[in-house]
Amino acid sequence: QWTRGNDSPHLRFIQANDGVATSARLALISATKTVIKSGLGILGVEAPDAMR
């Protein structure tokens, strides 16, 4: 569930006391975005920049 970090700080992407973990998590998010966007492109689907 997307909001689990509200109740469990260790599940948050950004950890104020752990820069290494934060950097790794943000890099993983960025790589995941690239893979999903590329995969959708192969299928002929345009990925939105934001979902609101």
PDB file of N, CA and C in Angstrom:
ATOM      1  N   GLN A   1       0.848  -1.171   0.000  1.00  0.00           N
ATOM      2  CA  GLN A   1       0.000   0.000   0.000  1.00  0.00           C
ATOM      3  C   GLN A   1       0.895   1.235   0.000  1.00  0.00           C
ATOM      4  N   TRP A   2       0.551   2.183  -0.847  1.00  0.00           N
ATOM      5  CA  TRP A   2       1.386   3.355  -1.080  1.00  0.00           C
ATOM      6  C   TRP A   2       1.606   4.186   0.182  1.00  0.00           C
ATOM      7  N   THR A   3       0.653   4.266   1.086  1.00  0.00           N
ATOM      8  CA  THR A   3       0.744   5.158   2.248  1.00  0.00           C
ATOM      9  C   THR A   3       1.312   4.483   3.497  1.00  0.00           C
ATOM     10  N   ARG A   4       1.862   3.313   3.379  1.00  0.00           N
ATOM     11  CA  ARG A   4       2.385   2.607   4.556  1.00  0.00           C
ATOM     12  C   ARG A   4       3.518   3.365   5.224  1.00  0.00           C
ATOM     13  N   GLY A   5       4.235   4.198   4.481  1.00  0.00           N
ATOM     14  CA  GLY A   5       5.311   4.997   5.056  1.00  0.00           C
ATOM     15  C   GLY A   5       4.824   6.031   6.050  1.00  0.00           C
ATOM     16  N   ASN A   6       3.541   6.383   5.988  1.00  0.00           N
ATOM     17  CA  ASN A   6       2.990   7.330   6.963  1.00  0.00           C
ATOM     18  C   ASN A   6       3.054   6.763   8.378  1.00  0.00           C
ATOM     19  N   ASP A   7       2.826   5.472   8.508  1.00  0.00           N
ATOM     20  CA  ASP A   7       2.828   4.819   9.816  1.00  0.00           C
ATOM     21  C   ASP A   7       4.157   4.145  10.146  1.00  0.00           C
ATOM     22  N   SER A   8       4.934   3.819   9.128  1.00  0.00           N
ATOM     23  CA  SER A   8       6.205   3.108   9.323  1.00  0.00           C
ATOM     24  C   SER A   8       7.335   3.883   8.648  1.00  0.00           C
ATOM     25  N   PRO A   9       8.016   4.747   9.381  1.00  0.00           N
ATOM     26  CA  PRO A   9       9.062   5.585   8.781  1.00  0.00           C
ATOM     27  C   PRO A   9      10.150   4.801   8.043  1.00  0.00           C
ATOM     28  N   HIS A  10      10.436   3.573   8.459  1.00  0.00           N
ATOM     29  CA  HIS A  10      11.482   2.801   7.784  1.00  0.00           C
ATOM     30  C   HIS A  10      11.081   2.410   6.358  1.00  0.00           C
ATOM     31  N   LEU A  11       9.814   2.565   5.993  1.00  0.00           N
ATOM     32  CA  LEU A  11       9.347   2.251   4.639  1.00  0.00           C
ATOM     33  C   LEU A  11       9.393   3.454   3.699  1.00  0.00           C
ATOM     34  N   ARG A  12       9.749   4.617   4.204  1.00  0.00           N
ATOM     35  CA  ARG A  12       9.775   5.825   3.377  1.00  0.00           C
ATOM     36  C   ARG A  12      10.967   5.786   2.429  1.00  0.00           C
ATOM     37  N   PHE A  13      10.782   6.345   1.247  1.00  0.00           N
ATOM     38  CA  PHE A  13      11.863   6.391   0.263  1.00  0.00           C
ATOM     39  C   PHE A  13      13.007   7.260   0.747  1.00  0.00           C
ATOM     40  N   ILE A  14      12.679   8.388   1.349  1.00  0.00           N
ATOM     41  CA  ILE A  14      13.692   9.334   1.818  1.00  0.00           C
ATOM     42  C   ILE A  14      13.892   9.135   3.313  1.00  0.00           C
ATOM     43  N   GLN A  15      15.119   8.795   3.673  1.00  0.00           N
ATOM     44  CA  GLN A  15      15.498   8.574   5.065  1.00  0.00           C
ATOM     45  C   GLN A  15      16.458   9.689   5.481  1.00  0.00           C
ATOM     46  N   ALA A  16      16.008  10.571   6.355  1.00  0.00           N
ATOM     47  CA  ALA A  16      16.806  11.734   6.753  1.00  0.00           C
ATOM     48  C   ALA A  16      18.144  11.342   7.367  1.00  0.00           C
ATOM     49  N   ASN A  17      18.207  10.212   8.031  1.00  0.00           N
ATOM     50  CA  ASN A  17      19.436   9.805   8.712  1.00  0.00           C
ATOM     51  C   ASN A  17      20.274   8.806   7.922  1.00  0.00           C
ATOM     52  N   ASP A  18      19.885   8.492   6.695  1.00  0.00           N
ATOM     53  CA  ASP A  18      20.620   7.497   5.898  1.00  0.00           C
ATOM     54  C   ASP A  18      20.674   7.929   4.437  1.00  0.00           C
ATOM     55  N   GLY A  19      21.660   8.755   4.130  1.00  0.00           N
ATOM     56  CA  GLY A  19      21.806   9.270   2.772  1.00  0.00           C
ATOM     57  C   GLY A  19      22.094   8.198   1.740  1.00  0.00           C
ATOM     58  N   VAL A  20      22.824   7.164   2.127  1.00  0.00           N
ATOM     59  CA  VAL A  20      23.154   6.083   1.193  1.00  0.00           C
ATOM     60  C   VAL A  20      21.888   5.331   0.780  1.00  0.00           C
ATOM     61  N   ALA A  21      21.063   4.983   1.753  1.00  0.00           N
ATOM     62  CA  ALA A  21      19.814   4.277   1.445  1.00  0.00           C
ATOM     63  C   ALA A  21      18.880   5.157   0.624  1.00  0.00           C
ATOM     64  N   THR A  22      18.813   6.435   0.955  1.00  0.00           N
ATOM     65  CA  THR A  22      17.965   7.364   0.208  1.00  0.00           C
ATOM     66  C   THR A  22      18.417   7.450  -1.242  1.00  0.00           C
ATOM     67  N   SER A  23      19.724   7.604  -1.459  1.00  0.00           N
ATOM     68  CA  SER A  23      20.248   7.683  -2.827  1.00  0.00           C
ATOM     69  C   SER A  23      19.964   6.405  -3.607  1.00  0.00           C
ATOM     70  N   ALA A  24      20.140   5.272  -2.959  1.00  0.00           N
ATOM     71  CA  ALA A  24      19.891   3.992  -3.621  1.00  0.00           C
ATOM     72  C   ALA A  24      18.419   3.839  -3.981  1.00  0.00           C
ATOM     73  N   ARG A  25      17.546   4.218  -3.079  1.00  0.00           N
ATOM     74  CA  ARG A  25      16.109   4.101  -3.347  1.00  0.00           C
ATOM     75  C   ARG A  25      15.673   5.039  -4.464  1.00  0.00           C
ATOM     76  N   LEU A  26      16.194   6.256  -4.463  1.00  0.00           N
ATOM     77  CA  LEU A  26      15.828   7.197  -5.523  1.00  0.00           C
ATOM     78  C   LEU A  26      16.372   6.738  -6.874  1.00  0.00           C
ATOM     79  N   ALA A  27      17.562   6.140  -6.884  1.00  0.00           N
ATOM     80  CA  ALA A  27      18.113   5.596  -8.128  1.00  0.00           C
ATOM     81  C   ALA A  27      17.253   4.437  -8.631  1.00  0.00           C
ATOM     82  N   LEU A  28      16.793   3.598  -7.725  1.00  0.00           N
ATOM     83  CA  LEU A  28      15.923   2.480  -8.106  1.00  0.00           C
ATOM     84  C   LEU A  28      14.600   2.981  -8.671  1.00  0.00           C
ATOM     85  N   ILE A  29      14.043   4.019  -8.066  1.00  0.00           N
ATOM     86  CA  ILE A  29      12.801   4.610  -8.574  1.00  0.00           C
ATOM     87  C   ILE A  29      13.010   5.158  -9.979  1.00  0.00           C
ATOM     88  N   SER A  30      14.115   5.852 -10.181  1.00  0.00           N
ATOM     89  CA  SER A  30      14.406   6.428 -11.496  1.00  0.00           C
ATOM     90  C   SER A  30      14.583   5.331 -12.550  1.00  0.00           C
ATOM     91  N   ALA A  31      15.309   4.278 -12.194  1.00  0.00           N
ATOM     92  CA  ALA A  31      15.515   3.172 -13.132  1.00  0.00           C
ATOM     93  C   ALA A  31      14.197   2.473 -13.453  1.00  0.00           C
ATOM     94  N   THR A  32      13.354   2.300 -12.457  1.00  0.00           N
ATOM     95  CA  THR A  32      12.049   1.676 -12.666  1.00  0.00           C
ATOM     96  C   THR A  32      11.200   2.511 -13.612  1.00  0.00           C
ATOM     97  N   LYS A  33      11.232   3.819 -13.434  1.00  0.00           N
ATOM     98  CA  LYS A  33      10.495   4.726 -14.323  1.00  0.00           C
ATOM     99  C   LYS A  33      10.962   4.555 -15.768  1.00  0.00           C
ATOM    100  N   THR A  34      12.269   4.484 -15.957  1.00  0.00           N
ATOM    101  CA  THR A  34      12.824   4.342 -17.302  1.00  0.00           C
ATOM    102  C   THR A  34      12.400   3.019 -17.938  1.00  0.00           C
ATOM    103  N   VAL A  35      12.468   1.940 -17.176  1.00  0.00           N
ATOM    104  CA  VAL A  35      12.103   0.621 -17.699  1.00  0.00           C
ATOM    105  C   VAL A  35      10.622   0.567 -18.062  1.00  0.00           C
ATOM    106  N   ILE A  36       9.771   1.094 -17.192  1.00  0.00           N
ATOM    107  CA  ILE A  36       8.330   1.080 -17.477  1.00  0.00           C
ATOM    108  C   ILE A  36       8.018   1.932 -18.698  1.00  0.00           C
ATOM    109  N   LYS A  37       8.613   3.114 -18.776  1.00  0.00           N
ATOM    110  CA  LYS A  37       8.365   3.994 -19.919  1.00  0.00           C
ATOM    111  C   LYS A  37       8.844   3.346 -21.221  1.00  0.00           C
ATOM    112  N   SER A  38      10.010   2.715 -21.188  1.00  0.00           N
ATOM    113  CA  SER A  38      10.528   2.040 -22.384  1.00  0.00           C
ATOM    114  C   SER A  38       9.646   0.863 -22.786  1.00  0.00           C
ATOM    115  N   GLY A  39       9.232   0.082 -21.804  1.00  0.00           N
ATOM    116  CA  GLY A  39       8.362  -1.062 -22.088  1.00  0.00           C
ATOM    117  C   GLY A  39       7.037  -0.638 -22.690  1.00  0.00           C
ATOM    118  N   LEU A  40       6.452   0.415 -22.142  1.00  0.00           N
ATOM    119  CA  LEU A  40       5.200   0.925 -22.707  1.00  0.00           C
ATOM    120  C   LEU A  40       5.421   1.448 -24.124  1.00  0.00           C
ATOM    121  N   GLY A  41       6.573   2.088 -24.345  1.00  0.00           N
ATOM    122  CA  GLY A  41       6.891   2.590 -25.682  1.00  0.00           C
ATOM    123  C   GLY A  41       6.981   1.465 -26.703  1.00  0.00           C
ATOM    124  N   ILE A  42       7.570   0.348 -26.309  1.00  0.00           N
ATOM    125  CA  ILE A  42       7.657  -0.815 -27.195  1.00  0.00           C
ATOM    126  C   ILE A  42       6.262  -1.311 -27.565  1.00  0.00           C
ATOM    127  N   LEU A  43       5.344  -1.210 -26.618  1.00  0.00           N
ATOM    128  CA  LEU A  43       3.963  -1.639 -26.856  1.00  0.00           C
ATOM    129  C   LEU A  43       3.135  -0.583 -27.581  1.00  0.00           C
ATOM    130  N   GLY A  44       3.734   0.581 -27.815  1.00  0.00           N
ATOM    131  CA  GLY A  44       3.024   1.648 -28.507  1.00  0.00           C
ATOM    132  C   GLY A  44       2.131   2.478 -27.601  1.00  0.00           C
ATOM    133  N   VAL A  45       2.405   2.432 -26.312  1.00  0.00           N
ATOM    134  CA  VAL A  45       1.611   3.185 -25.342  1.00  0.00           C
ATOM    135  C   VAL A  45       2.443   4.355 -24.836  1.00  0.00           C
ATOM    136  N   GLU A  46       1.863   5.539 -24.833  1.00  0.00           N
ATOM    137  CA  GLU A  46       2.576   6.705 -24.330  1.00  0.00           C
ATOM    138  C   GLU A  46       2.347   6.831 -22.827  1.00  0.00           C
ATOM    139  N   ALA A  47       3.432   6.913 -22.075  1.00  0.00           N
ATOM    140  CA  ALA A  47       3.332   7.028 -20.617  1.00  0.00           C
ATOM    141  C   ALA A  47       3.131   8.486 -20.221  1.00  0.00           C
ATOM    142  N   PRO A  48       2.213   8.757 -19.312  1.00  0.00           N
ATOM    143  CA  PRO A  48       2.032  10.134 -18.840  1.00  0.00           C
ATOM    144  C   PRO A  48       3.209  10.545 -17.956  1.00  0.00           C
ATOM    145  N   ASP A  49       3.484  11.845 -17.912  1.00  0.00           N
ATOM    146  CA  ASP A  49       4.548  12.342 -17.036  1.00  0.00           C
ATOM    147  C   ASP A  49       4.108  12.339 -15.579  1.00  0.00           C
ATOM    148  N   ALA A  50       2.813  12.506 -15.351  1.00  0.00           N
ATOM    149  CA  ALA A  50       2.286  12.512 -13.988  1.00  0.00           C
ATOM    150  C   ALA A  50       0.867  11.963 -13.999  1.00  0.00           C
ATOM    151  N   MET A  51       0.506  11.355 -12.898  1.00  0.00           N
ATOM    152  CA  MET A  51      -0.861  10.854 -12.757  1.00  0.00           C
ATOM    153  C   MET A  51      -1.523  11.633 -11.635  1.00  0.00           C
ATOM    154  N   ARG A  52      -2.601  12.298 -11.952  1.00  0.00           N
ATOM    155  CA  ARG A  52      -3.287  13.124 -10.957  1.00  0.00           C
ATOM    156  C   ARG A  52      -4.745  12.812 -10.947  1.00  0.00           C
TER     157      ARG A  52
END
